[in-house]
């Protein structure tokens, strides 16, 4: 029942709104990624304090995708899992994970590929299938295969790892830690199309 409900809730779009702008947005302003905390709600306006201290005004799109982010562990990553990994380059050219999110099976293929990401300077996002896992004292090395290639990324024991649970409008409340993909409107507000909120004390690491 949970799997069926989750698949229906997130639909075929899922996190595509987060990892790549949907085709329907092609004629609109570039998507804006917002990371911060819901400060207050004034009618239909959500006031968000961004991580850089800016206060932003957002509205909730009618068809907004809302999901919770909950803690997972390194041992939840299995061979055959479809994951998204933000990583940064190391001095030797290898990639080290900054965060990992594990997709539900219903969202396999979402945002597949390897591309720049704005979480940190020089960071990248790799959404791919876990082909191989090699364990080491300092964590695990994942071989991630996507349609155009593959990457090896080391995941340390302290790397934040999360997965997703269903959510709804009632979860978007003051104090919630959020990651939002939005589009700027003519009046200067941001319309949130994809909302991810932390559950059980988790801050969305994306």
N, C-alpha and C. Protein backbone atom coordinates (compact mmCIF):
# COMPACT_ATOMS: atom_id res chain seq x y z
N UNK A 1 0.83 -1.20 0.00
CA UNK A 1 0.00 0.00 0.00
C UNK A 1 0.87 1.25 0.00
N UNK A 2 1.93 1.26 0.85
CA UNK A 2 2.79 2.44 0.91
C UNK A 2 3.45 2.71 -0.43
N UNK A 3 3.99 1.64 -1.06
CA UNK A 3 4.67 1.82 -2.33
C UNK A 3 3.72 2.37 -3.39
N UNK A 4 2.50 1.84 -3.41
CA UNK A 4 1.51 2.30 -4.39
C UNK A 4 1.16 3.76 -4.15
N UNK A 5 0.92 4.12 -2.89
CA UNK A 5 0.58 5.50 -2.55
C UNK A 5 1.71 6.44 -2.89
N UNK A 6 2.94 6.03 -2.58
CA UNK A 6 4.10 6.89 -2.85
C UNK A 6 4.27 7.12 -4.34
N UNK A 7 4.15 6.05 -5.11
CA UNK A 7 4.31 6.19 -6.56
C UNK A 7 3.24 7.10 -7.13
N UNK A 8 2.00 6.95 -6.67
CA UNK A 8 0.91 7.80 -7.16
C UNK A 8 1.13 9.24 -6.73
N UNK A 9 1.61 9.42 -5.50
CA UNK A 9 1.79 10.77 -4.96
C UNK A 9 2.84 11.54 -5.73
N UNK A 10 4.00 10.92 -5.92
CA UNK A 10 5.08 11.62 -6.59
C UNK A 10 4.91 11.62 -8.10
N UNK A 11 4.21 10.63 -8.63
CA UNK A 11 3.97 10.56 -10.07
C UNK A 11 5.24 10.34 -10.84
N UNK A 12 5.14 10.45 -12.14
CA UNK A 12 6.29 10.17 -12.98
C UNK A 12 7.28 11.33 -12.98
N UNK A 13 6.88 12.48 -12.46
CA UNK A 13 7.80 13.62 -12.42
C UNK A 13 8.79 13.44 -11.28
N UNK A 14 8.28 13.10 -10.08
CA UNK A 14 9.15 12.89 -8.94
C UNK A 14 10.12 14.02 -8.74
N UNK A 15 11.41 13.68 -8.60
CA UNK A 15 12.43 14.69 -8.34
C UNK A 15 13.00 15.29 -9.61
N UNK A 16 12.39 15.02 -10.75
CA UNK A 16 12.88 15.64 -11.99
C UNK A 16 12.84 17.16 -11.86
N UNK A 17 11.87 17.66 -11.10
CA UNK A 17 11.78 19.10 -10.90
C UNK A 17 12.99 19.63 -10.15
N UNK A 18 13.62 18.78 -9.34
CA UNK A 18 14.79 19.21 -8.60
C UNK A 18 16.05 19.12 -9.45
N UNK A 19 16.19 18.03 -10.16
CA UNK A 19 17.47 17.75 -10.80
C UNK A 19 17.59 18.26 -12.22
N UNK A 20 16.46 18.57 -12.85
CA UNK A 20 16.49 19.15 -14.20
C UNK A 20 15.15 19.80 -14.44
N UNK A 21 15.15 20.96 -15.11
CA UNK A 21 13.90 21.68 -15.33
C UNK A 21 13.01 20.89 -16.27
N UNK A 22 11.73 20.63 -15.92
CA UNK A 22 10.83 19.93 -16.81
C UNK A 22 10.62 20.69 -18.11
N UNK A 23 10.23 19.95 -19.15
CA UNK A 23 10.02 20.55 -20.46
C UNK A 23 9.02 21.68 -20.39
N UNK A 24 8.00 21.55 -19.54
CA UNK A 24 6.96 22.57 -19.45
C UNK A 24 7.49 23.91 -18.95
N UNK A 25 8.71 23.92 -18.35
CA UNK A 25 9.29 25.15 -17.85
C UNK A 25 10.18 25.83 -18.89
N UNK A 26 10.32 25.20 -20.05
CA UNK A 26 11.33 25.64 -21.01
C UNK A 26 11.17 27.10 -21.42
N UNK A 27 9.93 27.59 -21.47
CA UNK A 27 9.69 28.97 -21.90
C UNK A 27 9.66 29.95 -20.74
N UNK A 28 9.95 29.49 -19.53
CA UNK A 28 9.90 30.34 -18.36
C UNK A 28 11.31 30.70 -17.90
N UNK A 29 11.37 31.48 -16.83
CA UNK A 29 12.66 31.84 -16.26
C UNK A 29 13.38 30.58 -15.79
N UNK A 30 14.70 30.60 -15.75
CA UNK A 30 15.45 29.44 -15.25
C UNK A 30 15.02 29.10 -13.82
N UNK A 31 14.98 27.84 -13.46
CA UNK A 31 14.59 27.47 -12.10
C UNK A 31 15.58 27.99 -11.07
N UNK A 32 15.04 28.36 -9.91
CA UNK A 32 15.85 28.87 -8.80
C UNK A 32 15.80 27.84 -7.68
N UNK A 33 16.97 27.43 -7.19
CA UNK A 33 17.02 26.48 -6.07
C UNK A 33 17.14 27.25 -4.77
N UNK A 34 16.22 26.98 -3.86
CA UNK A 34 16.17 27.68 -2.57
C UNK A 34 16.46 26.69 -1.45
N UNK A 35 17.40 27.03 -0.60
CA UNK A 35 17.73 26.21 0.57
C UNK A 35 17.58 27.10 1.80
N UNK A 36 16.75 26.68 2.73
CA UNK A 36 16.56 27.53 3.91
C UNK A 36 15.52 26.99 4.87
N UNK A 37 14.88 27.91 5.60
CA UNK A 37 13.90 27.56 6.63
C UNK A 37 12.64 28.40 6.44
N UNK A 38 11.47 27.76 6.57
CA UNK A 38 10.21 28.49 6.53
C UNK A 38 10.13 29.36 7.79
N UNK A 39 10.11 30.69 7.60
CA UNK A 39 10.05 31.61 8.73
C UNK A 39 8.62 31.85 9.18
N UNK A 40 7.73 32.10 8.23
CA UNK A 40 6.32 32.35 8.55
C UNK A 40 5.50 32.22 7.28
N UNK A 41 4.19 32.19 7.46
CA UNK A 41 3.27 32.10 6.33
C UNK A 41 2.29 33.25 6.44
N UNK A 42 2.23 34.09 5.40
CA UNK A 42 1.30 35.21 5.35
C UNK A 42 0.31 34.96 4.22
N UNK A 43 -0.85 34.39 4.58
CA UNK A 43 -1.83 34.04 3.56
C UNK A 43 -1.27 32.99 2.63
N UNK A 44 -1.14 33.34 1.34
CA UNK A 44 -0.61 32.40 0.37
C UNK A 44 0.89 32.53 0.18
N UNK A 45 1.52 33.43 0.95
CA UNK A 45 2.95 33.69 0.81
C UNK A 45 3.73 32.95 1.90
N UNK A 46 4.75 32.21 1.47
CA UNK A 46 5.65 31.52 2.39
C UNK A 46 6.94 32.32 2.45
N UNK A 47 7.27 32.79 3.64
CA UNK A 47 8.49 33.56 3.84
C UNK A 47 9.60 32.58 4.23
N UNK A 48 10.63 32.53 3.40
CA UNK A 48 11.73 31.59 3.62
C UNK A 48 13.02 32.36 3.85
N UNK A 49 13.71 32.03 4.92
CA UNK A 49 15.02 32.59 5.16
C UNK A 49 16.04 31.66 4.53
N UNK A 50 16.70 32.13 3.46
CA UNK A 50 17.66 31.32 2.74
C UNK A 50 18.94 31.16 3.54
N UNK A 51 19.76 30.21 3.14
CA UNK A 51 20.99 29.94 3.89
C UNK A 51 21.97 31.11 3.85
N UNK A 52 21.82 32.00 2.85
CA UNK A 52 22.70 33.18 2.81
C UNK A 52 22.14 34.36 3.59
N UNK A 53 21.00 34.13 4.29
CA UNK A 53 20.39 35.17 5.11
C UNK A 53 19.30 35.96 4.44
N UNK A 54 19.14 35.82 3.13
CA UNK A 54 18.10 36.55 2.40
C UNK A 54 16.71 36.02 2.77
N UNK A 55 15.73 36.94 2.81
CA UNK A 55 14.34 36.53 3.05
C UNK A 55 13.61 36.52 1.71
N UNK A 56 13.06 35.39 1.36
CA UNK A 56 12.43 35.21 0.06
C UNK A 56 10.94 34.95 0.21
N UNK A 57 10.17 35.43 -0.76
CA UNK A 57 8.73 35.20 -0.78
C UNK A 57 8.41 34.14 -1.82
N UNK A 58 7.72 33.09 -1.38
CA UNK A 58 7.36 32.02 -2.29
C UNK A 58 5.88 31.71 -2.20
N UNK A 59 5.34 31.27 -3.32
CA UNK A 59 3.98 30.73 -3.34
C UNK A 59 4.06 29.25 -3.69
N UNK A 60 3.01 28.54 -3.39
CA UNK A 60 2.97 27.10 -3.64
C UNK A 60 2.22 26.86 -4.95
N UNK A 61 2.89 26.27 -5.93
CA UNK A 61 2.24 25.97 -7.20
C UNK A 61 1.08 25.00 -6.98
N UNK A 62 0.06 25.11 -7.82
CA UNK A 62 -1.11 24.25 -7.68
C UNK A 62 -0.75 22.77 -7.77
N UNK A 63 0.21 22.45 -8.62
CA UNK A 63 0.59 21.05 -8.82
C UNK A 63 1.95 20.75 -8.20
N UNK A 64 2.28 21.45 -7.14
CA UNK A 64 3.60 21.30 -6.51
C UNK A 64 3.84 19.86 -6.07
N UNK A 65 5.07 19.41 -6.26
CA UNK A 65 5.49 18.10 -5.77
C UNK A 65 6.10 18.30 -4.37
N UNK A 66 5.52 17.63 -3.38
CA UNK A 66 5.96 17.78 -1.99
C UNK A 66 6.35 16.42 -1.43
N UNK A 67 7.54 16.34 -0.85
CA UNK A 67 7.97 15.09 -0.24
C UNK A 67 8.88 15.38 0.94
N UNK A 68 8.88 14.47 1.89
CA UNK A 68 9.75 14.59 3.04
C UNK A 68 11.09 13.93 2.79
N UNK A 69 12.10 14.43 3.48
CA UNK A 69 13.45 13.88 3.41
C UNK A 69 13.76 13.29 4.78
N UNK A 70 14.10 12.02 4.79
CA UNK A 70 14.36 11.35 6.06
C UNK A 70 15.71 10.65 6.02
N UNK A 71 16.29 10.45 7.18
CA UNK A 71 17.64 9.90 7.27
C UNK A 71 17.70 8.45 6.81
N UNK A 72 18.76 8.12 6.09
CA UNK A 72 19.06 6.74 5.71
C UNK A 72 20.52 6.49 6.11
N UNK A 73 21.04 5.32 5.77
CA UNK A 73 22.42 5.00 6.14
C UNK A 73 23.19 4.45 4.95
N UNK A 74 24.48 4.37 5.10
CA UNK A 74 25.35 3.83 4.06
C UNK A 74 24.93 2.41 3.68
N UNK A 75 24.43 1.67 4.65
CA UNK A 75 24.05 0.28 4.41
C UNK A 75 22.73 0.16 3.65
N UNK A 76 22.00 1.28 3.50
CA UNK A 76 20.78 1.26 2.71
C UNK A 76 21.07 1.36 1.21
N UNK A 77 22.31 1.69 0.86
CA UNK A 77 22.70 1.74 -0.54
C UNK A 77 23.10 0.35 -0.97
N UNK A 78 22.36 -0.22 -1.91
CA UNK A 78 22.59 -1.59 -2.37
C UNK A 78 23.00 -1.59 -3.83
N UNK A 79 23.65 -2.65 -4.24
CA UNK A 79 23.91 -2.83 -5.66
C UNK A 79 22.57 -2.88 -6.39
N UNK A 80 22.43 -2.07 -7.43
CA UNK A 80 21.16 -2.00 -8.14
C UNK A 80 20.29 -0.83 -7.71
N UNK A 81 20.66 -0.15 -6.62
CA UNK A 81 19.91 1.04 -6.19
C UNK A 81 20.09 2.15 -7.22
N UNK A 82 19.08 3.02 -7.35
CA UNK A 82 19.21 4.22 -8.16
C UNK A 82 19.38 5.38 -7.20
N UNK A 83 20.50 6.09 -7.32
CA UNK A 83 20.83 7.12 -6.34
C UNK A 83 21.21 8.42 -7.03
N UNK A 84 21.19 9.49 -6.23
CA UNK A 84 21.73 10.77 -6.66
C UNK A 84 22.84 11.14 -5.70
N UNK A 85 24.01 11.49 -6.23
CA UNK A 85 25.16 11.79 -5.37
C UNK A 85 25.75 13.15 -5.76
N UNK A 86 25.79 14.05 -4.80
CA UNK A 86 26.53 15.29 -4.99
C UNK A 86 27.96 15.03 -4.54
N UNK A 87 28.94 15.43 -5.36
CA UNK A 87 30.33 15.14 -5.04
C UNK A 87 31.22 16.32 -5.42
N UNK A 88 32.41 16.33 -4.85
CA UNK A 88 33.41 17.34 -5.19
C UNK A 88 34.70 16.64 -5.58
N UNK A 89 35.48 17.27 -6.48
CA UNK A 89 36.74 16.65 -6.92
C UNK A 89 37.81 16.75 -5.85
N UNK A 90 38.63 15.71 -5.78
CA UNK A 90 39.77 15.69 -4.86
C UNK A 90 41.06 15.98 -5.62
N UNK A 91 42.16 16.16 -4.90
CA UNK A 91 43.43 16.52 -5.53
C UNK A 91 43.90 15.47 -6.54
N UNK A 92 43.56 14.22 -6.29
CA UNK A 92 44.00 13.15 -7.20
C UNK A 92 43.03 12.93 -8.36
N UNK A 93 42.01 13.78 -8.46
CA UNK A 93 41.05 13.66 -9.55
C UNK A 93 39.85 12.80 -9.23
N UNK A 94 39.86 12.12 -8.09
CA UNK A 94 38.72 11.29 -7.69
C UNK A 94 37.58 12.17 -7.20
N UNK A 95 36.41 11.56 -7.03
CA UNK A 95 35.24 12.27 -6.55
C UNK A 95 34.86 11.78 -5.15
N UNK A 96 34.58 12.73 -4.26
CA UNK A 96 34.17 12.40 -2.89
C UNK A 96 32.75 12.91 -2.65
N UNK A 97 31.88 12.06 -2.15
CA UNK A 97 30.48 12.42 -1.96
C UNK A 97 30.30 13.46 -0.87
N UNK A 98 29.44 14.45 -1.16
CA UNK A 98 29.03 15.45 -0.18
C UNK A 98 27.70 15.03 0.44
N UNK A 99 26.86 14.40 -0.34
CA UNK A 99 25.58 13.87 0.13
C UNK A 99 25.10 12.83 -0.86
N UNK A 100 24.22 11.94 -0.36
CA UNK A 100 23.63 10.90 -1.20
C UNK A 100 22.14 10.85 -0.94
N UNK A 101 21.34 10.79 -2.00
CA UNK A 101 19.92 10.53 -1.78
C UNK A 101 19.53 9.28 -2.56
N UNK A 102 18.77 8.43 -1.91
CA UNK A 102 18.35 7.14 -2.47
C UNK A 102 16.93 7.28 -3.00
N UNK A 103 16.76 7.03 -4.29
CA UNK A 103 15.45 7.17 -4.90
C UNK A 103 14.59 5.94 -4.65
N UNK A 104 13.28 6.13 -4.42
CA UNK A 104 12.37 4.99 -4.43
C UNK A 104 12.38 4.37 -5.82
N UNK A 105 12.04 3.10 -5.91
CA UNK A 105 12.07 2.40 -7.19
C UNK A 105 11.17 3.06 -8.22
N UNK A 106 10.05 3.65 -7.76
CA UNK A 106 9.11 4.30 -8.69
C UNK A 106 9.72 5.51 -9.39
N UNK A 107 10.86 6.01 -8.88
CA UNK A 107 11.49 7.20 -9.45
C UNK A 107 12.81 6.88 -10.15
N UNK A 108 13.05 5.60 -10.41
CA UNK A 108 14.27 5.20 -11.11
C UNK A 108 14.38 5.93 -12.45
N UNK A 109 15.57 6.43 -12.74
CA UNK A 109 15.81 7.13 -14.00
C UNK A 109 15.66 8.64 -13.92
N UNK A 110 15.15 9.13 -12.80
CA UNK A 110 14.96 10.58 -12.66
C UNK A 110 16.27 11.34 -12.74
N UNK A 111 16.34 12.33 -13.62
CA UNK A 111 17.52 13.19 -13.72
C UNK A 111 18.80 12.45 -14.03
N UNK A 112 18.70 11.32 -14.71
CA UNK A 112 19.87 10.47 -14.93
C UNK A 112 21.00 11.22 -15.65
N UNK A 113 22.22 11.03 -15.17
CA UNK A 113 23.37 11.65 -15.80
C UNK A 113 24.34 12.25 -14.79
N UNK A 114 25.33 12.95 -15.31
CA UNK A 114 26.37 13.60 -14.50
C UNK A 114 26.49 15.03 -14.97
N UNK A 115 26.31 16.01 -14.06
CA UNK A 115 26.28 17.41 -14.47
C UNK A 115 26.63 18.32 -13.29
N UNK A 116 26.95 19.60 -13.57
CA UNK A 116 27.29 20.54 -12.49
C UNK A 116 26.13 20.73 -11.52
N UNK A 117 26.47 21.03 -10.27
CA UNK A 117 25.47 21.25 -9.22
C UNK A 117 25.93 22.41 -8.36
N UNK A 118 25.01 23.14 -7.77
CA UNK A 118 25.36 24.38 -7.07
C UNK A 118 25.39 24.29 -5.56
N UNK A 119 25.51 23.09 -5.01
CA UNK A 119 25.55 22.97 -3.55
C UNK A 119 26.83 23.57 -2.98
N UNK A 120 27.95 23.30 -3.63
CA UNK A 120 29.25 23.82 -3.23
C UNK A 120 30.03 24.16 -4.50
N UNK A 121 31.11 24.96 -4.37
CA UNK A 121 31.94 25.24 -5.54
C UNK A 121 32.48 23.95 -6.15
N UNK A 122 32.40 23.82 -7.46
CA UNK A 122 32.89 22.68 -8.23
C UNK A 122 32.12 21.39 -7.98
N UNK A 123 31.00 21.46 -7.29
CA UNK A 123 30.26 20.23 -7.03
C UNK A 123 29.51 19.76 -8.27
N UNK A 124 29.27 18.45 -8.31
CA UNK A 124 28.54 17.83 -9.40
C UNK A 124 27.43 16.96 -8.84
N UNK A 125 26.46 16.64 -9.69
CA UNK A 125 25.41 15.71 -9.32
C UNK A 125 25.48 14.52 -10.28
N UNK A 126 25.44 13.33 -9.73
CA UNK A 126 25.41 12.12 -10.54
C UNK A 126 24.20 11.29 -10.13
N UNK A 127 23.26 11.14 -11.04
CA UNK A 127 22.09 10.29 -10.81
C UNK A 127 22.26 9.04 -11.66
N UNK A 128 22.37 7.92 -11.00
CA UNK A 128 22.76 6.72 -11.74
C UNK A 128 22.46 5.46 -10.94
N UNK A 129 22.63 4.33 -11.62
CA UNK A 129 22.45 3.03 -10.99
C UNK A 129 23.75 2.61 -10.31
N UNK A 130 23.63 2.02 -9.12
CA UNK A 130 24.80 1.52 -8.41
C UNK A 130 25.18 0.17 -9.01
N UNK A 131 26.28 0.16 -9.76
CA UNK A 131 26.74 -1.06 -10.41
C UNK A 131 27.60 -1.91 -9.50
N UNK A 132 28.39 -1.24 -8.66
CA UNK A 132 29.32 -1.98 -7.80
C UNK A 132 29.57 -1.19 -6.53
N UNK A 133 29.77 -1.90 -5.43
CA UNK A 133 30.10 -1.29 -4.15
C UNK A 133 31.36 -1.96 -3.61
N UNK A 134 32.38 -1.16 -3.35
CA UNK A 134 33.61 -1.69 -2.77
C UNK A 134 33.78 -1.07 -1.39
N UNK A 135 33.84 -1.90 -0.37
CA UNK A 135 33.97 -1.43 1.01
C UNK A 135 35.44 -1.19 1.35
N UNK A 136 35.66 -0.17 2.19
CA UNK A 136 37.00 0.15 2.68
C UNK A 136 36.87 0.64 4.10
N UNK A 137 38.02 0.83 4.75
CA UNK A 137 38.01 1.28 6.15
C UNK A 137 37.36 2.64 6.28
N UNK A 138 37.57 3.50 5.28
CA UNK A 138 37.08 4.88 5.35
C UNK A 138 35.77 5.08 4.59
N UNK A 139 35.01 4.01 4.36
CA UNK A 139 33.71 4.14 3.71
C UNK A 139 33.54 3.15 2.57
N UNK A 140 32.86 3.59 1.51
CA UNK A 140 32.62 2.72 0.37
C UNK A 140 32.83 3.51 -0.92
N UNK A 141 33.26 2.81 -1.94
CA UNK A 141 33.37 3.43 -3.26
C UNK A 141 32.27 2.86 -4.14
N UNK A 142 31.45 3.75 -4.69
CA UNK A 142 30.34 3.35 -5.54
C UNK A 142 30.72 3.54 -7.00
N UNK A 143 30.48 2.53 -7.80
CA UNK A 143 30.58 2.69 -9.24
C UNK A 143 29.18 2.95 -9.75
N UNK A 144 28.97 4.16 -10.27
CA UNK A 144 27.65 4.60 -10.71
C UNK A 144 27.61 4.63 -12.23
N UNK A 145 26.66 3.93 -12.80
CA UNK A 145 26.55 3.85 -14.26
C UNK A 145 25.30 4.54 -14.73
N UNK A 146 25.45 5.45 -15.68
CA UNK A 146 24.32 6.15 -16.30
C UNK A 146 24.43 5.99 -17.81
N UNK A 147 23.47 6.51 -18.55
CA UNK A 147 23.37 6.19 -19.98
C UNK A 147 24.57 6.64 -20.79
N UNK A 148 25.27 7.68 -20.35
CA UNK A 148 26.40 8.20 -21.12
C UNK A 148 27.76 7.86 -20.53
N UNK A 149 27.79 7.10 -19.45
CA UNK A 149 29.08 6.78 -18.85
C UNK A 149 28.96 6.28 -17.43
N UNK A 150 30.05 6.38 -16.68
CA UNK A 150 30.04 5.96 -15.29
C UNK A 150 31.05 6.78 -14.49
N UNK A 151 30.83 6.83 -13.18
CA UNK A 151 31.71 7.53 -12.26
C UNK A 151 31.93 6.66 -11.03
N UNK A 152 33.13 6.77 -10.47
CA UNK A 152 33.41 6.15 -9.17
C UNK A 152 33.44 7.26 -8.13
N UNK A 153 32.66 7.10 -7.08
CA UNK A 153 32.55 8.13 -6.05
C UNK A 153 32.71 7.47 -4.68
N UNK A 154 33.59 8.05 -3.86
CA UNK A 154 33.79 7.54 -2.50
C UNK A 154 32.79 8.19 -1.55
N UNK A 155 32.14 7.35 -0.75
CA UNK A 155 31.17 7.82 0.24
C UNK A 155 31.73 7.52 1.63
N UNK A 156 32.05 8.57 2.38
CA UNK A 156 32.61 8.40 3.71
C UNK A 156 31.57 8.03 4.74
N UNK A 157 32.00 7.55 5.90
CA UNK A 157 31.07 7.12 6.95
C UNK A 157 30.21 8.25 7.52
N UNK A 158 30.64 9.51 7.35
CA UNK A 158 29.88 10.64 7.89
C UNK A 158 29.11 11.41 6.81
N UNK A 159 29.09 10.90 5.60
CA UNK A 159 28.37 11.56 4.51
C UNK A 159 26.86 11.51 4.77
N UNK A 160 26.15 12.65 4.70
CA UNK A 160 24.69 12.62 4.86
C UNK A 160 24.04 11.77 3.78
N UNK A 161 23.16 10.87 4.20
CA UNK A 161 22.44 10.00 3.27
C UNK A 161 20.96 10.06 3.62
N UNK A 162 20.13 10.32 2.62
CA UNK A 162 18.70 10.47 2.86
C UNK A 162 17.88 9.68 1.84
N UNK A 163 16.61 9.51 2.16
CA UNK A 163 15.64 8.95 1.23
C UNK A 163 14.36 9.75 1.37
N UNK A 164 13.30 9.37 0.67
CA UNK A 164 12.11 10.20 0.56
C UNK A 164 10.85 9.50 1.06
N UNK A 165 9.96 10.30 1.66
CA UNK A 165 8.67 9.82 2.13
C UNK A 165 7.60 10.81 1.65
N UNK A 166 6.33 10.37 1.52
CA UNK A 166 5.28 11.29 1.07
C UNK A 166 5.09 12.46 2.02
N UNK A 167 4.64 13.57 1.47
CA UNK A 167 4.31 14.75 2.25
C UNK A 167 3.19 15.51 1.59
N UNK A 168 2.68 16.53 2.26
CA UNK A 168 1.64 17.36 1.67
C UNK A 168 1.76 18.79 2.19
N UNK A 169 0.83 19.64 1.80
CA UNK A 169 0.89 21.06 2.11
C UNK A 169 1.00 21.31 3.61
N UNK A 170 0.40 20.47 4.42
CA UNK A 170 0.42 20.67 5.87
C UNK A 170 1.82 20.55 6.45
N UNK A 171 2.73 19.92 5.72
CA UNK A 171 4.11 19.78 6.19
C UNK A 171 4.95 21.03 5.94
N UNK A 172 4.46 21.92 5.08
CA UNK A 172 5.18 23.15 4.76
C UNK A 172 4.76 24.21 5.78
N UNK A 173 5.44 24.23 6.90
CA UNK A 173 5.04 25.09 8.02
C UNK A 173 6.26 25.78 8.62
N UNK A 174 6.04 26.83 9.42
CA UNK A 174 7.16 27.54 10.03
C UNK A 174 8.10 26.60 10.78
N UNK A 175 9.38 26.82 10.58
CA UNK A 175 10.40 26.00 11.22
C UNK A 175 10.90 24.87 10.35
N UNK A 176 10.16 24.53 9.29
CA UNK A 176 10.57 23.43 8.43
C UNK A 176 11.81 23.80 7.63
N UNK A 177 12.78 22.90 7.61
CA UNK A 177 13.96 23.06 6.77
C UNK A 177 13.59 22.57 5.37
N UNK A 178 13.86 23.39 4.36
CA UNK A 178 13.36 23.06 3.03
C UNK A 178 14.42 23.22 1.94
N UNK A 179 14.20 22.48 0.88
CA UNK A 179 14.90 22.66 -0.39
C UNK A 179 13.80 22.78 -1.43
N UNK A 180 13.83 23.87 -2.19
CA UNK A 180 12.72 24.18 -3.10
C UNK A 180 13.28 24.52 -4.48
N UNK A 181 12.64 24.02 -5.51
CA UNK A 181 12.92 24.48 -6.86
C UNK A 181 11.75 25.34 -7.28
N UNK A 182 12.05 26.60 -7.65
CA UNK A 182 11.01 27.58 -7.92
C UNK A 182 11.29 28.29 -9.24
N UNK A 183 10.28 29.01 -9.71
CA UNK A 183 10.40 29.84 -10.90
C UNK A 183 9.96 31.25 -10.54
N UNK A 184 10.75 32.25 -10.94
CA UNK A 184 10.44 33.64 -10.61
C UNK A 184 9.24 34.12 -11.41
N UNK A 185 8.30 34.79 -10.71
CA UNK A 185 7.10 35.32 -11.32
C UNK A 185 7.27 36.81 -11.65
N UNK A 186 6.32 37.36 -12.40
CA UNK A 186 6.40 38.75 -12.84
C UNK A 186 6.42 39.73 -11.67
N UNK A 187 5.76 39.36 -10.56
CA UNK A 187 5.70 40.28 -9.41
C UNK A 187 6.90 40.14 -8.47
N UNK A 188 7.86 39.31 -8.86
CA UNK A 188 9.07 39.16 -8.06
C UNK A 188 9.05 38.01 -7.07
N UNK A 189 7.86 37.43 -6.85
CA UNK A 189 7.79 36.27 -5.96
C UNK A 189 8.31 35.04 -6.70
N UNK A 190 8.58 33.99 -5.94
CA UNK A 190 9.02 32.73 -6.50
C UNK A 190 7.91 31.70 -6.34
N UNK A 191 7.57 31.02 -7.41
CA UNK A 191 6.54 29.98 -7.33
C UNK A 191 7.24 28.63 -7.14
N UNK A 192 7.04 28.02 -5.99
CA UNK A 192 7.69 26.75 -5.68
C UNK A 192 7.01 25.60 -6.38
N UNK A 193 7.76 24.91 -7.23
CA UNK A 193 7.21 23.77 -7.98
C UNK A 193 7.54 22.43 -7.30
N UNK A 194 8.72 22.34 -6.69
CA UNK A 194 9.13 21.12 -5.99
C UNK A 194 9.62 21.51 -4.60
N UNK A 195 9.00 20.92 -3.59
CA UNK A 195 9.33 21.24 -2.19
C UNK A 195 9.79 19.96 -1.49
N UNK A 196 10.94 20.04 -0.83
CA UNK A 196 11.44 18.93 -0.02
C UNK A 196 11.67 19.47 1.39
N UNK A 197 11.06 18.86 2.36
CA UNK A 197 11.18 19.31 3.75
C UNK A 197 11.83 18.24 4.60
N UNK A 198 12.61 18.66 5.58
CA UNK A 198 13.25 17.72 6.48
C UNK A 198 12.26 17.14 7.48
N UNK A 199 12.37 15.87 7.72
CA UNK A 199 11.51 15.21 8.71
C UNK A 199 12.40 14.63 9.81
N UNK A 200 11.88 14.67 11.04
CA UNK A 200 12.59 14.12 12.19
C UNK A 200 13.97 14.77 12.39
N UNK A 201 14.02 16.10 12.20
CA UNK A 201 15.24 16.83 12.46
C UNK A 201 16.24 16.86 11.32
N UNK A 202 15.89 16.27 10.18
CA UNK A 202 16.80 16.23 9.03
C UNK A 202 16.71 17.54 8.25
N UNK A 203 17.86 18.09 7.87
CA UNK A 203 17.91 19.22 6.95
C UNK A 203 18.19 18.67 5.56
N UNK A 204 17.34 18.92 4.57
CA UNK A 204 17.61 18.41 3.23
C UNK A 204 19.01 18.81 2.79
N UNK A 205 19.88 17.83 2.48
CA UNK A 205 21.27 18.16 2.19
C UNK A 205 21.53 18.56 0.73
N UNK A 206 20.49 18.60 -0.10
CA UNK A 206 20.70 18.84 -1.53
C UNK A 206 21.13 20.27 -1.79
